C-alpha cells in the first residue's frame, strides 16, 4: 500500500502552481527569440502584429516600386530586415510623409 500524504488546501495549491510554472517554463515557445530577417509572409505577419495593417499584395507592389526596404536572397526570394521594417513603418505614420493626413489637414484649415 502507498504512503498517505496529508496536505492543507493552501499547500496543495502552492505545489500545483509551482508544478505548472515549471512545466510552462520548460515548454516556452521559440517565438520569444526575435528573428532579424523575415520572409514575405513573416513580414506581413510582423507588420500586422505591430499595428501596421498591410496586405501581402501591397508589400509586393511596394517592393516592385522600391518603396519598402527589402533584399533579394538567391536571386528571387525576397527577405526583409526587422529593423528596416520598423523604421519604414514609423516613417509611414509621420503626417508629413502621409498624403492622406496632409490633405485632410489642409482641408480642415480651409474650412476654418
Protein backbone atom coordinates (compact mmCIF):
# COMPACT_ATOMS: atom_id res chain seq x y z
CA UNK A 1 0.00 0.00 0.00
CA UNK A 2 1.22 3.50 -0.88
CA UNK A 3 2.05 6.09 1.72
CA UNK A 4 -0.70 8.54 2.52
CA UNK A 5 0.20 12.24 2.46
CA UNK A 6 -1.94 14.88 4.13
CA UNK A 7 -1.76 18.46 2.95
CA UNK A 8 -3.63 21.66 3.67
CA UNK A 9 -5.52 23.25 0.77
CA UNK A 10 -3.07 26.16 0.61
CA UNK A 11 -0.05 23.85 0.47
CA UNK A 12 -1.64 21.78 -2.30
CA UNK A 13 -2.41 24.93 -4.30
CA UNK A 14 1.22 26.10 -3.91
CA UNK A 15 2.53 22.72 -5.12
CA UNK A 16 0.24 22.79 -8.14
CA UNK A 17 1.20 26.39 -9.01
CA UNK A 18 4.90 25.53 -8.76
CA UNK A 19 4.49 22.43 -10.96
CA UNK A 20 2.55 24.36 -13.61
CA UNK A 21 5.08 27.21 -13.64
CA UNK A 22 7.97 24.77 -14.11
CA UNK A 23 6.14 22.90 -16.89
CA UNK A 24 5.35 26.11 -18.77
CA UNK A 25 8.95 27.34 -18.44
CA UNK A 26 10.25 24.10 -19.99
CA UNK A 27 7.81 24.31 -22.90
CA UNK A 28 8.29 28.01 -23.67
CA UNK A 29 7.77 28.61 -27.41
CA UNK A 30 10.73 29.55 -29.58
CA UNK A 31 8.92 32.70 -30.72
CA UNK A 32 10.48 34.57 -27.82
CA UNK A 33 13.61 34.85 -29.97
CA UNK A 34 13.17 37.71 -32.40
CA UNK A 35 14.26 36.97 -35.94
CA UNK A 36 16.34 39.57 -37.73
CA UNK A 37 15.35 38.60 -41.28
CA UNK A 38 11.84 37.70 -42.37
CA UNK A 39 10.29 36.12 -45.43
CA UNK A 40 7.46 37.92 -47.19
CA UNK A 41 4.73 36.10 -45.24
CA UNK A 42 6.58 36.64 -41.97
CA UNK A 43 7.00 40.35 -42.79
CA UNK A 44 3.25 40.70 -43.38
CA UNK A 45 2.53 38.99 -40.04
CA UNK A 46 5.21 41.06 -38.28
CA UNK A 47 3.83 44.37 -39.52
CA UNK A 48 0.22 43.40 -38.78
CA UNK A 49 1.10 42.22 -35.25
CA UNK A 50 2.89 45.51 -34.60
CA UNK A 51 -0.07 47.69 -35.55
CA UNK A 52 0.70 48.42 -39.20
CA UNK A 53 -2.11 46.78 -41.16
CA UNK A 54 -0.92 45.75 -44.61
CA UNK A 55 -1.77 43.08 -47.18
CA UNK A 56 0.66 40.73 -48.89
CA UNK A 57 -0.24 42.16 -52.30
CA UNK A 58 0.54 45.66 -51.04
CA UNK A 59 4.01 44.59 -49.95
CA UNK A 60 4.59 43.02 -53.38
CA UNK A 61 3.61 46.32 -55.01
CA UNK A 62 5.85 48.32 -52.66
CA UNK A 63 8.83 46.08 -53.42
CA UNK A 64 8.29 46.42 -57.17
CA UNK A 65 8.49 50.20 -56.86
CA UNK A 66 11.29 50.15 -54.23
CA UNK A 67 9.11 51.96 -51.69
CA UNK A 68 9.85 49.47 -48.91
CA UNK A 69 13.32 48.23 -47.90
CA UNK A 70 13.96 44.61 -48.91
CA UNK A 71 16.77 42.33 -50.05
CA UNK A 72 16.92 39.51 -52.55
CA UNK A 73 18.16 36.14 -51.41
CA UNK A 74 19.19 33.68 -54.09
CA UNK A 75 18.03 35.90 -56.92
CA UNK A 76 14.27 35.51 -56.41
CA UNK A 77 13.44 35.20 -52.72
CA UNK A 78 12.55 38.48 -51.02
CA UNK A 79 13.61 38.97 -47.42
CA UNK A 80 13.12 41.86 -45.02
CA UNK A 81 15.14 43.04 -42.01
CA UNK A 82 13.08 43.78 -38.92
CA UNK A 83 14.97 46.96 -38.06
CA UNK A 84 14.42 48.32 -41.58
CA UNK A 85 10.72 47.41 -41.45
CA UNK A 86 10.35 49.16 -38.10
CA UNK A 87 11.98 52.31 -39.46
CA UNK A 88 9.92 52.21 -42.67
CA UNK A 89 6.63 51.72 -40.78
CA UNK A 90 7.49 54.63 -38.49
CA UNK A 91 8.14 56.88 -41.50
CA UNK A 92 4.76 55.95 -42.99
CA UNK A 93 3.00 57.12 -39.84
CA UNK A 94 4.59 60.58 -39.86
CA UNK A 95 1.96 63.07 -41.16
CA UNK A 96 4.43 64.93 -43.45
CA UNK A 97 5.04 61.74 -45.45
CA UNK A 98 1.39 60.69 -45.44
CA UNK A 99 -0.51 62.47 -48.22
CA UNK A 100 -3.92 61.47 -46.82
CA UNK A 101 -3.19 63.13 -43.46
CA UNK A 102 -1.74 66.14 -45.25
CA UNK A 103 -4.83 66.54 -47.46
CA UNK A 104 -7.23 66.18 -44.52
CA UNK A 105 -5.31 68.77 -42.51
CA UNK A 106 -5.26 71.19 -45.46
CA UNK A 107 -9.00 70.71 -45.99
CA UNK A 108 -9.70 71.34 -42.30
CA UNK A 109 -7.67 74.56 -42.39
CA UNK A 110 -9.64 75.81 -45.41
CA UNK A 111 -12.97 75.24 -43.64
CA UNK A 112 -11.97 77.44 -40.68
